[in-house]
């Protein structure tokens, strides 16, 4: 088995307590209009965006983002 080393790592964050798409967009993609930034974040993070929503009585109702999620804040890089 060969071993390889990642030379470039895609920029990502761990969410802060109470983060949602809008708060991450404002902090990490402040140069973009909020709606565009949220849309980009969601498209780069389908593993979170497509998660089933929490129950209405849950503390995180309406927010699929968990504190343990890795959130990518830049698009995928092209294959070399």
PDB file of N, CA and C in Angstrom:
ATOM      1  N   UNK A   1       0.847  -1.178   0.000  1.00  0.00           N
ATOM      2  CA  UNK A   1       0.000   0.000   0.000  1.00  0.00           C
ATOM      3  C   UNK A   1       0.889   1.236   0.000  1.00  0.00           C
ATOM      4  N   UNK A   2       0.598   2.162  -0.886  1.00  0.00           N
ATOM      5  CA  UNK A   2       1.387   3.388  -0.940  1.00  0.00           C
ATOM      6  C   UNK A   2       0.777   4.438  -0.024  1.00  0.00           C
ATOM      7  N   UNK A   3       1.615   5.310   0.440  1.00  0.00           N
ATOM      8  CA  UNK A   3       1.100   6.413   1.260  1.00  0.00           C
ATOM      9  C   UNK A   3       1.267   7.705   0.478  1.00  0.00           C
ATOM     10  N   UNK A   4       0.292   8.574   0.626  1.00  0.00           N
ATOM     11  CA  UNK A   4       0.370   9.867  -0.033  1.00  0.00           C
ATOM     12  C   UNK A   4       0.110  10.950   0.998  1.00  0.00           C
ATOM     13  N   UNK A   5       0.566  12.136   0.681  1.00  0.00           N
ATOM     14  CA  UNK A   5       0.436  13.254   1.598  1.00  0.00           C
ATOM     15  C   UNK A   5      -0.386  14.339   0.918  1.00  0.00           C
ATOM     16  N   UNK A   6      -1.328  14.883   1.632  1.00  0.00           N
ATOM     17  CA  UNK A   6      -2.082  16.011   1.099  1.00  0.00           C
ATOM     18  C   UNK A   6      -1.191  17.240   1.085  1.00  0.00           C
ATOM     19  N   UNK A   7      -1.086  17.864  -0.051  1.00  0.00           N
ATOM     20  CA  UNK A   7      -0.245  19.050  -0.127  1.00  0.00           C
ATOM     21  C   UNK A   7      -1.062  20.325   0.059  1.00  0.00           C
ATOM     22  N   UNK A   8      -2.337  20.268  -0.306  1.00  0.00           N
ATOM     23  CA  UNK A   8      -3.209  21.426  -0.174  1.00  0.00           C
ATOM     24  C   UNK A   8      -4.472  20.976   0.537  1.00  0.00           C
ATOM     25  N   UNK A   9      -4.881  21.739   1.520  1.00  0.00           N
ATOM     26  CA  UNK A   9      -6.076  21.401   2.279  1.00  0.00           C
ATOM     27  C   UNK A   9      -7.130  22.469   2.022  1.00  0.00           C
ATOM     28  N   UNK A  10      -8.338  22.021   1.755  1.00  0.00           N
ATOM     29  CA  UNK A  10      -9.460  22.933   1.517  1.00  0.00           C
ATOM     30  C   UNK A  10      -9.809  23.643   2.817  1.00  0.00           C
ATOM     31  N   UNK A  11      -9.996  24.949   2.763  1.00  0.00           N
ATOM     32  CA  UNK A  11     -10.281  25.748   3.952  1.00  0.00           C
ATOM     33  C   UNK A  11     -11.626  25.345   4.554  1.00  0.00           C
ATOM     34  N   UNK A  12     -11.627  25.099   5.851  1.00  0.00           N
ATOM     35  CA  UNK A  12     -12.845  24.698   6.547  1.00  0.00           C
ATOM     36  C   UNK A  12     -12.830  25.245   7.964  1.00  0.00           C
ATOM     37  N   UNK A  13     -13.993  25.191   8.604  1.00  0.00           N
ATOM     38  CA  UNK A  13     -14.134  25.638   9.991  1.00  0.00           C
ATOM     39  C   UNK A  13     -14.980  24.635  10.750  1.00  0.00           C
ATOM     40  N   UNK A  14     -14.945  24.729  12.064  1.00  0.00           N
ATOM     41  CA  UNK A  14     -15.909  24.061  12.929  1.00  0.00           C
ATOM     42  C   UNK A  14     -16.879  25.141  13.385  1.00  0.00           C
ATOM     43  N   UNK A  15     -18.174  24.872  13.346  1.00  0.00           N
ATOM     44  CA  UNK A  15     -19.148  25.899  13.730  1.00  0.00           C
ATOM     45  C   UNK A  15     -19.001  26.314  15.193  1.00  0.00           C
ATOM     46  N   UNK A  16     -19.336  27.554  15.447  1.00  0.00           N
ATOM     47  CA  UNK A  16     -19.413  28.060  16.819  1.00  0.00           C
ATOM     48  C   UNK A  16     -20.791  27.743  17.375  1.00  0.00           C
ATOM     49  N   UNK A  17     -20.923  27.812  18.674  1.00  0.00           N
ATOM     50  CA  UNK A  17     -22.214  27.567  19.319  1.00  0.00           C
ATOM     51  C   UNK A  17     -23.289  28.462  18.698  1.00  0.00           C
ATOM     52  N   UNK A  18     -24.394  27.870  18.267  1.00  0.00           N
ATOM     53  CA  UNK A  18     -25.506  28.628  17.711  1.00  0.00           C
ATOM     54  C   UNK A  18     -25.344  29.059  16.266  1.00  0.00           C
ATOM     55  N   UNK A  19     -24.254  28.675  15.607  1.00  0.00           N
ATOM     56  CA  UNK A  19     -24.058  29.061  14.206  1.00  0.00           C
ATOM     57  C   UNK A  19     -25.157  28.502  13.316  1.00  0.00           C
ATOM     58  N   UNK A  20     -25.496  29.261  12.296  1.00  0.00           N
ATOM     59  CA  UNK A  20     -26.383  28.809  11.227  1.00  0.00           C
ATOM     60  C   UNK A  20     -25.754  29.274   9.921  1.00  0.00           C
ATOM     61  N   UNK A  21     -26.417  28.984   8.804  1.00  0.00           N
ATOM     62  CA  UNK A  21     -25.831  29.354   7.504  1.00  0.00           C
ATOM     63  C   UNK A  21     -25.555  30.861   7.418  1.00  0.00           C
ATOM     64  N   UNK A  22     -26.492  31.667   7.885  1.00  0.00           N
ATOM     65  CA  UNK A  22     -26.330  33.123   7.779  1.00  0.00           C
ATOM     66  C   UNK A  22     -25.169  33.632   8.625  1.00  0.00           C
ATOM     67  N   UNK A  23     -25.024  33.136   9.842  1.00  0.00           N
ATOM     68  CA  UNK A  23     -23.938  33.633  10.705  1.00  0.00           C
ATOM     69  C   UNK A  23     -22.572  33.227  10.170  1.00  0.00           C
ATOM     70  N   UNK A  24     -22.482  32.018   9.623  1.00  0.00           N
ATOM     71  CA  UNK A  24     -21.213  31.586   9.026  1.00  0.00           C
ATOM     72  C   UNK A  24     -20.919  32.411   7.778  1.00  0.00           C
ATOM     73  N   UNK A  25     -21.937  32.648   6.971  1.00  0.00           N
ATOM     74  CA  UNK A  25     -21.759  33.449   5.751  1.00  0.00           C
ATOM     75  C   UNK A  25     -21.268  34.853   6.084  1.00  0.00           C
ATOM     76  N   UNK A  26     -21.867  35.485   7.087  1.00  0.00           N
ATOM     77  CA  UNK A  26     -21.451  36.848   7.479  1.00  0.00           C
ATOM     78  C   UNK A  26     -20.003  36.884   7.945  1.00  0.00           C
ATOM     79  N   UNK A  27     -19.590  35.863   8.673  1.00  0.00           N
ATOM     80  CA  UNK A  27     -18.243  35.834   9.234  1.00  0.00           C
ATOM     81  C   UNK A  27     -17.194  35.413   8.203  1.00  0.00           C
ATOM     82  N   UNK A  28     -17.494  34.387   7.416  1.00  0.00           N
ATOM     83  CA  UNK A  28     -16.479  33.794   6.540  1.00  0.00           C
ATOM     84  C   UNK A  28     -16.498  34.315   5.103  1.00  0.00           C
ATOM     85  N   UNK A  29     -17.641  34.812   4.651  1.00  0.00           N
ATOM     86  CA  UNK A  29     -17.760  35.305   3.265  1.00  0.00           C
ATOM     87  C   UNK A  29     -18.358  36.701   3.266  1.00  0.00           C
ATOM     88  N   UNK A  30     -17.842  37.544   4.116  1.00  0.00           N
ATOM     89  CA  UNK A  30     -18.390  38.894   4.326  1.00  0.00           C
ATOM     90  C   UNK A  30     -18.376  39.750   3.062  1.00  0.00           C
ATOM     91  N   UNK A  31     -17.525  39.419   2.111  1.00  0.00           N
ATOM     92  CA  UNK A  31     -17.422  40.229   0.893  1.00  0.00           C
ATOM     93  C   UNK A  31     -18.577  39.979  -0.080  1.00  0.00           C
ATOM     94  N   UNK A  32     -19.365  38.943   0.155  1.00  0.00           N
ATOM     95  CA  UNK A  32     -20.488  38.603  -0.719  1.00  0.00           C
ATOM     96  C   UNK A  32     -21.821  39.025  -0.104  1.00  0.00           C
ATOM     97  N   UNK A  33     -22.826  39.282  -0.940  1.00  0.00           N
ATOM     98  CA  UNK A  33     -24.173  39.481  -0.393  1.00  0.00           C
ATOM     99  C   UNK A  33     -24.584  38.227   0.385  1.00  0.00           C
ATOM    100  N   UNK A  34     -25.320  38.414   1.476  1.00  0.00           N
ATOM    101  CA  UNK A  34     -25.626  37.287   2.362  1.00  0.00           C
ATOM    102  C   UNK A  34     -26.295  36.119   1.629  1.00  0.00           C
ATOM    103  N   UNK A  35     -27.279  36.394   0.794  1.00  0.00           N
ATOM    104  CA  UNK A  35     -27.992  35.316   0.094  1.00  0.00           C
ATOM    105  C   UNK A  35     -27.041  34.506  -0.794  1.00  0.00           C
ATOM    106  N   UNK A  36     -26.128  35.184  -1.477  1.00  0.00           N
ATOM    107  CA  UNK A  36     -25.158  34.493  -2.329  1.00  0.00           C
ATOM    108  C   UNK A  36     -24.190  33.661  -1.485  1.00  0.00           C
ATOM    109  N   UNK A  37     -23.739  34.226  -0.377  1.00  0.00           N
ATOM    110  CA  UNK A  37     -22.800  33.525   0.497  1.00  0.00           C
ATOM    111  C   UNK A  37     -23.446  32.278   1.097  1.00  0.00           C
ATOM    112  N   UNK A  38     -24.682  32.398   1.550  1.00  0.00           N
ATOM    113  CA  UNK A  38     -25.392  31.237   2.111  1.00  0.00           C
ATOM    114  C   UNK A  38     -25.548  30.164   1.045  1.00  0.00           C
ATOM    115  N   UNK A  39     -25.934  30.557  -0.141  1.00  0.00           N
ATOM    116  CA  UNK A  39     -26.112  29.604  -1.239  1.00  0.00           C
ATOM    117  C   UNK A  39     -24.813  28.865  -1.555  1.00  0.00           C
ATOM    118  N   UNK A  40     -23.709  29.599  -1.600  1.00  0.00           N
ATOM    119  CA  UNK A  40     -22.425  28.959  -1.867  1.00  0.00           C
ATOM    120  C   UNK A  40     -22.045  27.997  -0.749  1.00  0.00           C
ATOM    121  N   UNK A  41     -22.195  28.414   0.494  1.00  0.00           N
ATOM    122  CA  UNK A  41     -21.877  27.528   1.616  1.00  0.00           C
ATOM    123  C   UNK A  41     -22.689  26.240   1.541  1.00  0.00           C
ATOM    124  N   UNK A  42     -23.965  26.369   1.265  1.00  0.00           N
ATOM    125  CA  UNK A  42     -24.819  25.187   1.195  1.00  0.00           C
ATOM    126  C   UNK A  42     -24.399  24.262   0.055  1.00  0.00           C
ATOM    127  N   UNK A  43     -23.999  24.820  -1.080  1.00  0.00           N
ATOM    128  CA  UNK A  43     -23.586  23.979  -2.206  1.00  0.00           C
ATOM    129  C   UNK A  43     -22.246  23.291  -1.943  1.00  0.00           C
ATOM    130  N   UNK A  44     -21.393  23.892  -1.135  1.00  0.00           N
ATOM    131  CA  UNK A  44     -20.096  23.296  -0.808  1.00  0.00           C
ATOM    132  C   UNK A  44     -20.204  22.302   0.350  1.00  0.00           C
ATOM    133  N   UNK A  45     -21.349  22.283   1.028  1.00  0.00           N
ATOM    134  CA  UNK A  45     -21.520  21.469   2.234  1.00  0.00           C
ATOM    135  C   UNK A  45     -22.805  20.650   2.172  1.00  0.00           C
ATOM    136  N   UNK A  46     -22.971  19.926   1.079  1.00  0.00           N
ATOM    137  CA  UNK A  46     -24.184  19.125   0.912  1.00  0.00           C
ATOM    138  C   UNK A  46     -24.332  18.078   2.009  1.00  0.00           C
ATOM    139  N   UNK A  47     -23.217  17.626   2.586  1.00  0.00           N
ATOM    140  CA  UNK A  47     -23.267  16.650   3.674  1.00  0.00           C
ATOM    141  C   UNK A  47     -24.014  17.199   4.892  1.00  0.00           C
ATOM    142  N   UNK A  48     -24.089  18.522   5.015  1.00  0.00           N
ATOM    143  CA  UNK A  48     -24.842  19.161   6.105  1.00  0.00           C
ATOM    144  C   UNK A  48     -26.182  19.674   5.586  1.00  0.00           C
ATOM    145  N   UNK A  49     -26.166  20.341   4.464  1.00  0.00           N
ATOM    146  CA  UNK A  49     -27.373  20.968   3.918  1.00  0.00           C
ATOM    147  C   UNK A  49     -28.487  19.960   3.664  1.00  0.00           C
ATOM    148  N   UNK A  50     -28.152  18.756   3.222  1.00  0.00           N
ATOM    149  CA  UNK A  50     -29.153  17.752   2.882  1.00  0.00           C
ATOM    150  C   UNK A  50     -29.567  16.886   4.072  1.00  0.00           C
ATOM    151  N   UNK A  51     -29.034  17.163   5.246  1.00  0.00           N
ATOM    152  CA  UNK A  51     -29.382  16.403   6.440  1.00  0.00           C
ATOM    153  C   UNK A  51     -30.842  16.645   6.801  1.00  0.00           C
ATOM    154  N   UNK A  52     -31.506  15.619   7.276  1.00  0.00           N
ATOM    155  CA  UNK A  52     -32.899  15.770   7.713  1.00  0.00           C
ATOM    156  C   UNK A  52     -32.961  16.773   8.862  1.00  0.00           C
ATOM    157  N   UNK A  53     -33.982  17.632   8.861  1.00  0.00           N
ATOM    158  CA  UNK A  53     -34.087  18.633   9.927  1.00  0.00           C
ATOM    159  C   UNK A  53     -34.402  17.995  11.277  1.00  0.00           C
ATOM    160  N   UNK A  54     -34.012  18.686  12.334  1.00  0.00           N
ATOM    161  CA  UNK A  54     -34.309  18.220  13.692  1.00  0.00           C
ATOM    162  C   UNK A  54     -35.794  18.404  13.980  1.00  0.00           C
ATOM    163  N   UNK A  55     -36.296  17.645  14.935  1.00  0.00           N
ATOM    164  CA  UNK A  55     -37.695  17.777  15.342  1.00  0.00           C
ATOM    165  C   UNK A  55     -37.978  19.197  15.812  1.00  0.00           C
ATOM    166  N   UNK A  56     -39.234  19.612  15.651  1.00  0.00           N
ATOM    167  CA  UNK A  56     -39.621  20.977  16.025  1.00  0.00           C
ATOM    168  C   UNK A  56     -39.361  21.289  17.490  1.00  0.00           C
ATOM    169  N   UNK A  57     -39.423  20.315  18.371  1.00  0.00           N
ATOM    170  CA  UNK A  57     -39.183  20.546  19.793  1.00  0.00           C
ATOM    171  C   UNK A  57     -37.713  20.536  20.185  1.00  0.00           C
ATOM    172  N   UNK A  58     -36.842  20.222  19.243  1.00  0.00           N
ATOM    173  CA  UNK A  58     -35.407  20.119  19.506  1.00  0.00           C
ATOM    174  C   UNK A  58     -34.771  21.493  19.696  1.00  0.00           C
ATOM    175  N   UNK A  59     -33.664  21.525  20.434  1.00  0.00           N
ATOM    176  CA  UNK A  59     -32.934  22.777  20.650  1.00  0.00           C
ATOM    177  C   UNK A  59     -32.363  23.331  19.343  1.00  0.00           C
ATOM    178  N   UNK A  60     -32.136  22.477  18.370  1.00  0.00           N
ATOM    179  CA  UNK A  60     -31.578  22.943  17.093  1.00  0.00           C
ATOM    180  C   UNK A  60     -32.596  22.868  15.964  1.00  0.00           C
ATOM    181  N   UNK A  61     -33.858  22.939  16.288  1.00  0.00           N
ATOM    182  CA  UNK A  61     -34.929  22.877  15.289  1.00  0.00           C
ATOM    183  C   UNK A  61     -34.700  23.915  14.191  1.00  0.00           C
ATOM    184  N   UNK A  62     -34.807  23.482  12.947  1.00  0.00           N
ATOM    185  CA  UNK A  62     -34.626  24.382  11.814  1.00  0.00           C
ATOM    186  C   UNK A  62     -33.185  24.642  11.438  1.00  0.00           C
ATOM    187  N   UNK A  63     -32.232  24.121  12.196  1.00  0.00           N
ATOM    188  CA  UNK A  63     -30.819  24.340  11.904  1.00  0.00           C
ATOM    189  C   UNK A  63     -30.124  22.987  11.824  1.00  0.00           C
ATOM    190  N   UNK A  64     -29.688  22.569  10.628  1.00  0.00           N
ATOM    191  CA  UNK A  64     -29.056  21.263  10.492  1.00  0.00           C
ATOM    192  C   UNK A  64     -27.595  21.227  10.942  1.00  0.00           C
ATOM    193  N   UNK A  65     -27.012  22.366  11.272  1.00  0.00           N
ATOM    194  CA  UNK A  65     -25.584  22.428  11.577  1.00  0.00           C
ATOM    195  C   UNK A  65     -25.319  21.976  13.009  1.00  0.00           C
ATOM    196  N   UNK A  66     -24.408  21.010  13.137  1.00  0.00           N
ATOM    197  CA  UNK A  66     -23.989  20.502  14.441  1.00  0.00           C
ATOM    198  C   UNK A  66     -22.606  21.054  14.791  1.00  0.00           C
ATOM    199  N   UNK A  67     -22.284  21.173  16.067  1.00  0.00           N
ATOM    200  CA  UNK A  67     -20.957  21.682  16.458  1.00  0.00           C
ATOM    201  C   UNK A  67     -19.802  20.814  15.946  1.00  0.00           C
ATOM    202  N   UNK A  68     -20.067  19.553  15.664  1.00  0.00           N
ATOM    203  CA  UNK A  68     -19.015  18.649  15.190  1.00  0.00           C
ATOM    204  C   UNK A  68     -18.863  18.634  13.671  1.00  0.00           C
ATOM    205  N   UNK A  69     -19.706  19.366  12.944  1.00  0.00           N
ATOM    206  CA  UNK A  69     -19.627  19.390  11.481  1.00  0.00           C
ATOM    207  C   UNK A  69     -18.388  20.143  11.000  1.00  0.00           C
ATOM    208  N   UNK A  70     -17.805  19.626   9.943  1.00  0.00           N
ATOM    209  CA  UNK A  70     -16.754  20.355   9.229  1.00  0.00           C
ATOM    210  C   UNK A  70     -17.478  21.134   8.140  1.00  0.00           C
ATOM    211  N   UNK A  71     -17.319  22.459   8.154  1.00  0.00           N
ATOM    212  CA  UNK A  71     -17.974  23.327   7.176  1.00  0.00           C
ATOM    213  C   UNK A  71     -16.906  23.897   6.246  1.00  0.00           C
ATOM    214  N   UNK A  72     -17.009  23.558   4.963  1.00  0.00           N
ATOM    215  CA  UNK A  72     -16.067  24.089   3.979  1.00  0.00           C
ATOM    216  C   UNK A  72     -16.456  25.521   3.642  1.00  0.00           C
ATOM    217  N   UNK A  73     -15.462  26.410   3.627  1.00  0.00           N
ATOM    218  CA  UNK A  73     -15.707  27.824   3.349  1.00  0.00           C
ATOM    219  C   UNK A  73     -15.019  28.279   2.061  1.00  0.00           C
ATOM    220  N   UNK A  74     -14.718  27.316   1.226  1.00  0.00           N
ATOM    221  CA  UNK A  74     -14.227  27.595  -0.119  1.00  0.00           C
ATOM    222  C   UNK A  74     -14.662  26.427  -1.012  1.00  0.00           C
ATOM    223  N   UNK A  75     -14.734  26.662  -2.319  1.00  0.00           N
ATOM    224  CA  UNK A  75     -15.201  25.602  -3.217  1.00  0.00           C
ATOM    225  C   UNK A  75     -14.190  24.464  -3.338  1.00  0.00           C
ATOM    226  N   UNK A  76     -14.649  23.318  -3.848  1.00  0.00           N
ATOM    227  CA  UNK A  76     -13.696  22.226  -4.093  1.00  0.00           C
ATOM    228  C   UNK A  76     -12.634  22.680  -5.082  1.00  0.00           C
ATOM    229  N   UNK A  77     -11.461  22.161  -4.915  1.00  0.00           N
ATOM    230  CA  UNK A  77     -10.365  22.491  -5.832  1.00  0.00           C
ATOM    231  C   UNK A  77     -10.393  21.538  -7.018  1.00  0.00           C
ATOM    232  N   UNK A  78      -9.995  22.023  -8.173  1.00  0.00           N
ATOM    233  CA  UNK A  78      -9.978  21.122  -9.346  1.00  0.00           C
ATOM    234  C   UNK A  78      -8.964  20.006  -9.169  1.00  0.00           C
ATOM    235  N   UNK A  79      -9.256  18.859  -9.762  1.00  0.00           N
ATOM    236  CA  UNK A  79      -8.333  17.730  -9.709  1.00  0.00           C
ATOM    237  C   UNK A  79      -7.067  18.085 -10.475  1.00  0.00           C
ATOM    238  N   UNK A  80      -5.968  17.622  -9.951  1.00  0.00           N
ATOM    239  CA  UNK A  80      -4.673  17.914 -10.625  1.00  0.00           C
ATOM    240  C   UNK A  80      -4.294  16.805 -11.547  1.00  0.00           C
TER     241      UNK A  80
END
